[in-house]
Protein backbone atom coordinates (compact mmCIF):
# COMPACT_ATOMS: atom_id res chain seq x y z
CA MET A 1 -0.01 -0.04 0.02
CA ILE A 2 1.13 3.51 -0.65
CA VAL A 3 0.11 7.23 0.07
CA SER A 4 -1.34 8.06 -3.35
CA HIS A 5 -2.33 11.54 -2.64
CA ILE A 6 -1.76 14.20 0.10
CA THR A 7 -3.46 17.46 0.97
CA LEU A 8 -1.88 19.80 3.46
CA LYS A 9 -3.32 23.15 4.84
CA ASN A 10 -1.33 25.45 6.93
CA TRP A 11 1.31 22.79 7.52
CA ARG A 12 4.61 24.43 8.33
CA ASN A 13 5.88 26.00 5.01
CA PHE A 14 2.68 25.31 3.13
CA GLN A 15 -0.55 27.23 3.02
CA VAL A 16 -1.98 24.51 0.61
CA VAL A 17 -0.59 21.45 -1.00
CA ASP A 18 -2.72 19.10 -3.05
CA VAL A 19 -0.63 16.53 -5.01
CA PRO A 20 -0.80 12.94 -6.15
CA LEU A 21 2.05 10.63 -5.24
CA GLY A 22 3.51 7.49 -6.94
CA ASP A 23 5.80 4.63 -5.95
CA ARG A 24 8.82 7.00 -6.12
CA VAL A 25 8.75 10.71 -5.35
CA PHE A 26 11.53 13.30 -5.81
CA LEU A 27 11.28 16.51 -3.70
CA VAL A 28 13.27 19.30 -5.38
CA GLY A 29 13.65 22.79 -3.92
CA PRO A 30 16.15 25.38 -2.54
CA ASN A 31 17.27 25.44 1.13
CA ALA A 32 14.53 26.21 3.61
CA SER A 33 11.78 25.63 0.88
CA GLY A 34 10.23 22.85 3.14
CA LYS A 35 11.44 19.48 1.82
CA SER A 36 12.02 18.15 5.24
CA ASN A 37 8.77 19.73 6.44
CA PHE A 38 6.81 18.01 3.63
CA LEU A 39 8.43 14.61 4.70
CA ASP A 40 7.54 15.55 8.43
CA ALA A 41 3.78 15.26 7.61
CA PHE A 42 4.16 11.60 7.11
CA ARG A 43 6.34 11.37 10.32
CA PHE A 44 3.71 13.25 12.13
CA LEU A 45 1.10 10.85 11.27
CA ARG A 46 3.18 7.93 12.18
CA ASP A 47 4.04 9.59 15.62
CA ILE A 48 0.20 9.87 16.13
CA ALA A 49 -0.33 6.13 15.22
CA LYS A 50 2.65 4.50 16.98
CA ALA A 51 2.56 2.85 20.44
CA GLY A 52 3.41 5.45 23.07
CA GLY A 53 2.69 8.26 20.53
CA GLY A 54 -0.52 10.03 20.17
CA LEU A 55 -1.71 13.57 19.00
CA GLN A 56 -0.46 15.39 22.18
CA ARG A 57 2.97 13.98 22.02
CA ALA A 58 3.35 14.42 18.26
CA VAL A 59 2.47 18.09 18.51
CA GLY A 60 4.36 18.62 21.67
CA ASP A 61 7.60 17.15 20.26
CA ARG A 62 7.35 19.81 17.40
CA GLY A 63 6.95 22.67 19.90
CA GLY A 64 3.28 23.05 19.87
CA LEU A 65 0.66 23.71 17.17
CA SER A 66 1.84 27.30 16.78
CA LYS A 67 5.23 25.98 15.61
CA ILE A 68 3.50 23.69 13.08
CA ARG A 69 1.13 26.26 11.70
CA CYS A 70 2.15 27.99 8.49
CA LEU A 71 3.29 31.54 9.10
CA ALA A 72 1.27 32.71 6.14
CA ALA A 73 -2.00 31.35 7.73
CA ARG A 74 -4.43 34.09 8.51
CA ARG A 75 -8.17 33.93 8.44
CA TYR A 76 -8.22 30.07 8.46
CA PRO A 77 -5.74 28.96 11.15
CA ASP A 78 -6.64 25.19 11.34
CA VAL A 79 -3.86 22.76 10.45
CA GLU A 80 -5.05 19.89 8.13
CA ILE A 81 -3.52 16.69 6.78
CA ASP A 82 -5.38 14.45 4.44
CA VAL A 83 -3.82 11.25 2.93
CA THR A 84 -5.30 8.75 0.50
CA LEU A 85 -3.99 5.24 0.55
CA SER A 86 -4.14 3.00 -2.34
CA SER A 87 -2.65 -0.55 -3.37
CA SER A 88 -0.88 1.29 -6.19
CA PRO A 89 -0.94 4.67 -8.03
CA ASP A 90 -3.17 3.23 -10.58
CA ASN A 91 -5.82 1.80 -8.28
CA GLY A 92 -8.63 3.54 -6.75
CA ILE A 93 -8.88 4.67 -3.14
CA LYS A 94 -8.56 2.04 -0.53
CA TRP A 95 -8.58 4.23 2.49
CA ARG A 96 -8.56 7.84 3.18
CA TYR A 97 -7.61 9.44 6.54
CA ALA A 98 -8.03 13.28 7.27
CA ILE A 99 -7.28 15.27 10.38
CA GLY A 100 -7.96 18.92 11.27
CA MET A 101 -6.24 20.45 14.49
CA LYS A 102 -6.91 23.63 16.48
CA GLN A 103 -5.46 24.94 19.65
CA GLN A 104 -7.22 25.77 22.93
CA THR A 105 -7.50 29.60 23.26
CA ARG A 106 -6.80 29.65 27.03
CA GLY A 107 -5.64 27.27 29.83
CA ALA A 108 -3.07 24.65 28.71
CA ARG A 109 -3.43 25.58 25.18
CA LYS A 110 -3.53 21.90 24.17
CA PRO A 111 -4.04 20.93 20.52
CA PHE A 112 -7.43 19.30 19.90
CA LEU A 113 -9.30 17.93 16.92
CA ALA A 114 -11.33 20.20 14.66
CA TYR A 115 -12.32 16.90 12.89
CA GLU A 116 -11.08 13.39 12.25
CA ARG A 117 -12.58 11.32 9.29
CA VAL A 118 -11.89 8.01 7.74
CA TRP A 119 -13.28 6.53 4.55
CA GLN A 120 -12.89 3.01 3.28
CA ASP A 121 -13.47 2.96 -0.49
CA ALA A 122 -16.20 5.56 -0.93
CA ASN A 123 -17.84 4.87 2.51
CA THR A 124 -17.45 7.07 5.51
CA ILE A 125 -16.62 4.94 8.65
CA LEU A 126 -15.60 7.72 11.04
CA ASP A 127 -16.61 11.38 11.24
CA ARG A 128 -15.65 13.27 14.35
CA PRO A 129 -16.67 15.20 16.46
CA ASP A 130 -19.68 12.96 17.07
CA ASP A 131 -22.28 13.18 19.66
CA GLU A 132 -20.01 11.71 22.43
CA ASP A 133 -17.31 14.29 21.60
CA ARG A 134 -19.87 17.06 21.97
CA ARG A 135 -20.86 15.80 25.41
CA ASP A 136 -17.20 15.38 26.60
CA ALA A 137 -14.88 17.94 24.66
CA GLU A 138 -11.74 16.28 26.29
CA ARG A 139 -12.21 13.44 24.02
CA LEU A 140 -11.00 15.67 21.19
CA THR A 141 -7.53 15.93 22.58
CA GLN A 142 -6.99 12.32 21.31
CA THR A 143 -7.53 10.78 17.88
CA HIS A 144 -9.11 7.53 17.29
CA LEU A 145 -6.11 6.65 15.28
CA GLU A 146 -4.03 6.34 18.34
CA GLN A 147 -6.47 4.18 20.33
CA ILE A 148 -6.63 0.40 19.86
CA SER A 149 -10.17 0.33 21.29
CA ALA A 150 -11.27 3.00 18.77
CA ASN A 151 -9.52 2.11 15.56
CA VAL A 152 -10.71 -1.46 15.20
CA ASP A 153 -12.65 -0.61 11.97
CA PHE A 154 -9.55 1.01 10.38
CA ARG A 155 -6.66 -0.63 12.11
CA GLU A 156 -5.05 -1.28 8.82
CA VAL A 157 -4.69 2.54 8.36
CA ALA A 158 -3.05 2.86 11.77
CA ARG A 159 -0.58 0.13 11.20
CA PHE A 160 0.34 1.34 7.84
CA LEU A 161 1.09 4.81 9.08
CA GLU A 162 2.92 3.54 12.04
CA SER A 163 5.18 1.62 9.70
CA VAL A 164 6.51 4.77 7.96
CA SER A 165 10.27 5.02 8.36
CA TYR A 166 12.75 8.02 7.92
CA LEU A 167 16.46 7.79 7.08
CA HIS A 168 19.25 10.36 7.22
CA VAL A 169 22.28 8.44 8.15
CA VAL A 170 24.93 10.24 10.29
CA PRO A 171 28.08 8.07 9.86
CA GLN A 172 29.57 9.32 13.15
CA LEU A 173 26.60 7.75 15.11
CA ILE A 174 27.25 4.40 13.51
CA ARG A 175 31.04 4.51 14.13
CA HIS A 176 30.61 5.66 17.72
CA PRO A 177 27.18 4.97 18.97
CA ARG A 178 28.35 4.75 22.67
CA ALA A 179 29.99 8.24 22.58
CA PHE A 180 26.50 9.82 22.28
CA THR A 181 24.87 9.52 25.59
CA GLY A 182 21.07 9.54 26.39
CA PRO A 183 18.41 7.53 24.71
CA GLY A 184 18.25 7.23 20.96
CA LEU A 185 15.51 9.03 19.01
CA PRO A 186 12.38 7.01 18.15
CA GLY A 187 12.65 5.18 14.89
CA ASP A 188 16.46 5.56 14.79
CA PRO A 189 16.20 8.26 12.03
CA PHE A 190 20.11 8.84 11.80
CA GLY A 191 21.32 5.25 11.98
CA ARG A 192 22.72 5.09 15.61
CA SER A 193 21.25 1.77 16.16
CA LEU A 194 21.90 0.36 12.73
CA LEU A 195 24.18 -2.47 14.02
CA GLU A 196 21.66 -3.44 16.60
CA ARG A 197 18.90 -3.59 14.04
CA ILE A 198 21.03 -5.83 11.87
CA GLY A 199 21.89 -8.00 14.90
CA LYS A 200 18.31 -8.45 15.85
CA THR A 201 17.41 -9.74 12.26
CA ASN A 202 17.21 -13.53 12.07
CA ASP A 203 20.35 -15.13 10.77
CA ARG A 204 18.99 -16.29 7.44
CA THR A 205 17.54 -12.86 6.52
CA LYS A 206 20.69 -11.12 7.82
CA ARG A 207 23.03 -13.14 5.56
CA SER A 208 20.77 -12.69 2.58
CA ARG A 209 20.68 -8.99 2.98
CA LEU A 210 24.26 -8.57 3.76
CA LYS A 211 25.15 -10.54 0.64
CA LYS A 212 23.17 -8.29 -1.49
CA ILE A 213 24.62 -5.12 0.10
CA GLU A 214 28.19 -6.76 -0.32
CA THR A 215 27.31 -7.27 -4.06
CA ALA A 216 26.53 -3.60 -4.46
CA LEU A 217 29.49 -2.41 -2.39
CA ARG A 218 32.00 -4.48 -4.40
CA ILE A 219 30.88 -2.38 -7.46
CA ALA A 220 30.86 0.95 -5.51
CA VAL A 221 33.85 0.64 -3.17
CA PRO A 222 37.28 -0.16 -4.62
CA GLN A 223 38.90 -3.29 -3.36
CA LEU A 224 36.08 -4.46 -1.02
CA LYS A 225 35.66 -8.18 -1.28
CA LYS A 226 33.61 -9.23 1.66
CA LEU A 227 31.15 -7.74 4.17
CA SER A 228 30.00 -9.57 7.30
CA TYR A 229 28.41 -9.02 10.72
CA VAL A 230 30.52 -10.11 13.80
CA VAL A 231 30.04 -9.90 17.55
CA ASP A 232 33.40 -9.28 19.35
CA SER A 233 33.34 -11.38 22.56
CA ALA A 234 36.41 -9.67 23.79
CA GLU A 235 34.53 -6.46 23.85
CA GLY A 236 31.58 -7.92 25.74
CA GLY A 237 29.54 -8.87 22.76
CA ILE A 238 29.70 -5.47 20.77
CA PRO A 239 28.36 -5.92 17.22
CA HIS A 240 30.41 -4.71 14.27
CA LEU A 241 30.40 -4.63 10.56
CA GLU A 242 33.59 -6.06 9.01
CA ALA A 243 34.88 -5.70 5.46
CA VAL A 244 37.69 -7.48 3.76
CA TYR A 245 39.61 -5.39 1.17
CA ASP A 246 42.16 -6.42 -1.37
CA HIS A 247 45.63 -6.01 0.08
CA TRP A 248 49.20 -7.15 -0.47
CA ARG A 249 48.55 -9.74 2.23
CA PRO A 250 47.10 -13.06 0.79
CA GLN A 251 44.04 -12.93 2.92
CA GLY A 252 43.35 -9.21 2.39
CA ALA A 253 42.98 -6.58 5.11
CA LYS A 254 40.08 -6.34 7.47
CA GLN A 255 38.39 -3.13 8.57
CA ARG A 256 35.47 -2.54 10.88
CA GLU A 257 32.81 0.25 10.68
CA SER A 258 34.87 2.70 12.65
CA GLU A 259 37.30 2.64 9.64
CA PHE A 260 34.65 2.85 6.92
CA SER A 261 34.42 6.04 4.88
CA ASP A 262 31.26 8.18 5.44
CA GLY A 263 30.10 7.20 1.96
CA THR A 264 30.42 3.53 2.73
CA LEU A 265 28.51 3.80 5.86
CA ARG A 266 25.75 5.96 4.25
CA LEU A 267 25.45 3.43 1.42
CA VAL A 268 25.31 0.36 3.89
CA GLY A 269 22.56 2.24 5.84
CA LEU A 270 20.58 3.08 2.71
CA LEU A 271 20.72 -0.39 1.21
CA TRP A 272 19.87 -2.08 4.44
CA SER A 273 16.85 0.28 4.91
CA LEU A 274 15.67 -0.52 1.37
CA LEU A 275 15.75 -4.17 2.03
CA GLU A 276 14.23 -3.89 5.52
CA ARG A 277 10.41 -3.75 5.07
CA GLU A 278 7.61 -2.75 2.77
CA ALA A 279 6.59 0.43 4.61
CA PRO A 280 7.02 3.83 3.04
CA LEU A 281 10.57 5.17 3.35
CA LEU A 282 11.35 8.82 3.56
CA LEU A 283 15.03 9.55 2.34
CA GLU A 284 16.74 12.75 3.22
CA GLU A 285 19.40 13.70 0.62
CA PRO A 286 20.70 10.17 0.12
CA GLU A 287 23.44 11.50 -2.22
CA LEU A 288 25.57 12.88 0.60
CA SER A 289 29.21 11.66 0.83
CA LEU A 290 28.68 9.55 -2.21
CA ASN A 291 30.75 9.61 -5.42
CA ALA A 292 28.82 11.33 -8.29
CA ALA A 293 29.00 8.13 -10.29
CA ILE A 294 27.27 6.30 -7.61
CA VAL A 295 24.65 9.04 -7.01
CA ARG A 296 23.72 8.83 -10.74
CA LYS A 297 22.79 5.16 -10.33
CA LEU A 298 20.74 5.66 -7.14
CA PRO A 299 17.33 6.18 -8.73
CA ALA A 300 17.65 2.94 -10.76
CA LEU A 301 18.93 1.07 -7.77
CA ILE A 302 16.12 2.20 -5.63
CA HIS A 303 13.64 1.34 -8.28
CA ARG A 304 15.12 -2.26 -8.67
CA MET A 305 15.23 -2.81 -4.90
CA THR A 306 11.56 -1.67 -4.33
CA ARG A 307 9.68 -2.79 -7.41
CA LYS A 308 8.88 -6.28 -6.18
CA ASN A 309 7.06 -5.22 -3.08
CA ARG A 310 5.93 -1.90 -4.47
CA ARG A 311 7.57 0.00 -1.57
CA GLN A 312 7.04 3.68 -1.80
CA VAL A 313 10.15 5.83 -1.43
CA LEU A 314 10.10 9.72 -0.97
CA ILE A 315 13.41 11.43 -1.57
CA SER A 316 14.54 14.95 -0.92
CA THR A 317 17.43 16.00 -2.96
CA HIS A 318 19.60 18.94 -4.23
CA SER A 319 21.66 16.61 -6.54
CA ALA A 320 21.99 17.22 -10.19
CA GLU A 321 23.65 13.93 -10.53
CA LEU A 322 20.84 12.06 -8.84
CA LEU A 323 18.33 13.83 -11.09
CA SER A 324 20.34 13.18 -14.29
CA ASP A 325 18.88 9.76 -14.58
CA LYS A 326 16.59 9.81 -17.60
CA GLY A 327 14.32 7.40 -15.70
CA VAL A 328 13.15 10.04 -13.28
CA GLY A 329 9.94 11.24 -14.72
CA PRO A 330 8.22 14.61 -14.37
CA ASP A 331 5.10 13.04 -12.78
CA GLU A 332 7.28 11.75 -9.88
CA THR A 333 9.17 15.03 -9.41
CA LEU A 334 7.73 17.66 -7.04
CA LEU A 335 8.97 21.26 -7.33
CA LEU A 336 8.83 23.36 -4.14
CA VAL A 337 9.00 26.98 -4.89
CA PRO A 338 8.92 29.42 -1.75
CA SER A 339 7.24 32.70 -1.65
CA PRO A 340 6.23 35.28 1.07
CA GLU A 341 2.76 33.43 1.08
CA GLY A 342 4.27 30.01 1.64
CA THR A 343 5.89 27.33 -0.50
CA THR A 344 3.78 26.01 -3.45
CA VAL A 345 4.19 22.35 -4.58
CA ARG A 346 3.57 21.27 -8.10
CA ARG A 347 4.62 18.32 -10.20
CA ALA A 348 7.26 19.03 -12.86
CA SER A 349 4.95 17.66 -15.46
CA GLU A 350 2.52 20.63 -14.87
CA TYR A 351 5.07 22.93 -16.50
CA LYS A 352 4.80 23.03 -20.27
CA ASP A 353 8.34 24.22 -20.79
CA ILE A 354 9.59 21.36 -18.61
CA ARG A 355 7.65 18.85 -20.70
CA ASP A 356 9.01 20.27 -23.83
CA LEU A 357 12.62 20.19 -22.68
CA LEU A 358 12.30 16.63 -21.43
CA GLU A 359 10.91 15.52 -24.82
CA GLY A 360 13.99 17.16 -26.34
CA GLY A 361 16.26 14.67 -24.45
CA LEU A 362 17.28 16.58 -21.30
CA SER A 363 16.88 15.20 -17.77
CA ILE A 364 14.94 16.40 -14.82
CA GLY A 365 18.08 17.64 -13.40
CA ASP A 366 18.85 19.80 -16.41
CA VAL A 367 15.52 21.50 -16.45
CA ALA A 368 13.96 21.38 -12.96
CA LEU A 369 16.92 22.49 -10.82
CA PRO A 370 17.61 25.79 -12.62
CA ARG A 371 13.92 26.62 -12.03
CA ILE A 372 14.11 26.52 -8.34
CA ASP A 373 17.67 28.35 -7.88
CA PRO A 374 17.40 31.24 -5.50
CA GLU A 375 17.15 34.57 -7.11
CA ASN A 376 20.02 36.85 -7.25
CA MET A 377 22.57 33.98 -6.65
CA GLN A 378 25.35 36.00 -8.34
CA GLN A 379 25.37 38.37 -5.42
CA LEU A 380 27.13 35.76 -3.39
CA LEU A 381 30.29 36.55 -5.35
CA LEU A 382 30.08 39.95 -3.90
CA PHE A 383 30.17 38.74 -0.30
CA GLU A 384 33.10 40.07 1.73
CA THR A 385 34.30 39.19 5.14
């Protein structure tokens, strides 16, 4: 199942977003245009649906509803998210979940529901506030999505949204996870617990995934021959990734993750996450630290690794190399263009000049990136210290 359509109102950078989504989505825009905030709408729904989450925590973790609400919101201040779920982009609506949020005008100023609605196919199965909500307004501080006793009729939606994962690997966290004290972030978005996640996977699946990753790494990383997962008993059972590299020694030279390059660690984290499960995956700038030749192959690699299970992947990027792949289509590319009234989001295919240039043989990177360059960029050359 995928999110086949999303509507946002007054969500962070955006006054209004209303766009269809496919199996693969590329978010393209300048710095501070809202790429991360667009992805955060999916994380927000996940944080409501997950165990130990809920509306109050999801909003509180983001600093309150006033921090979430678009600065350009005026007469209509409610924050709304509306997602359509389908088995594929070409199939009709399977589920639709919509939520509108307000904030108490006095007291604790808690967020509460303006509405919560669920449709299955074309049938409405939840429409709040209902009579019980009107008798007890405190009920509107919680969604039915987060309550097992209340979401029985649409639990498939809750489980799907809870499964959304986000990845933006920070290599230093993988190399030195114990150097960063305190509890890890829920969902491990930066890869701190990657080795633990690998270790918890059953042995057969672990070996299969690592073999596939090794095959990719042997192409991308010079001299790498073998990748394996080991537990060092001398260190009290600490897990490690271990690679063997071609070397003047007959058996090669071994290195562990602490000696891997940033690019190698980011590639391992990306490949493992793509193999991990069928849930939607949110990728933040996967091109970082990678050789340009590798980056150019990422769209095709992601497509091959996700096409069997129809896993949806949403990717934010600034990379001309990544978008140089002629297989990246205008219907799967969203252009984010900021303005004083908020960022607009449109598919690249909606622009006639982009369609014409693509038909002439250019890539999305050639025609879309110049369109979202900040104005007056040449003035940076005049900057003096």
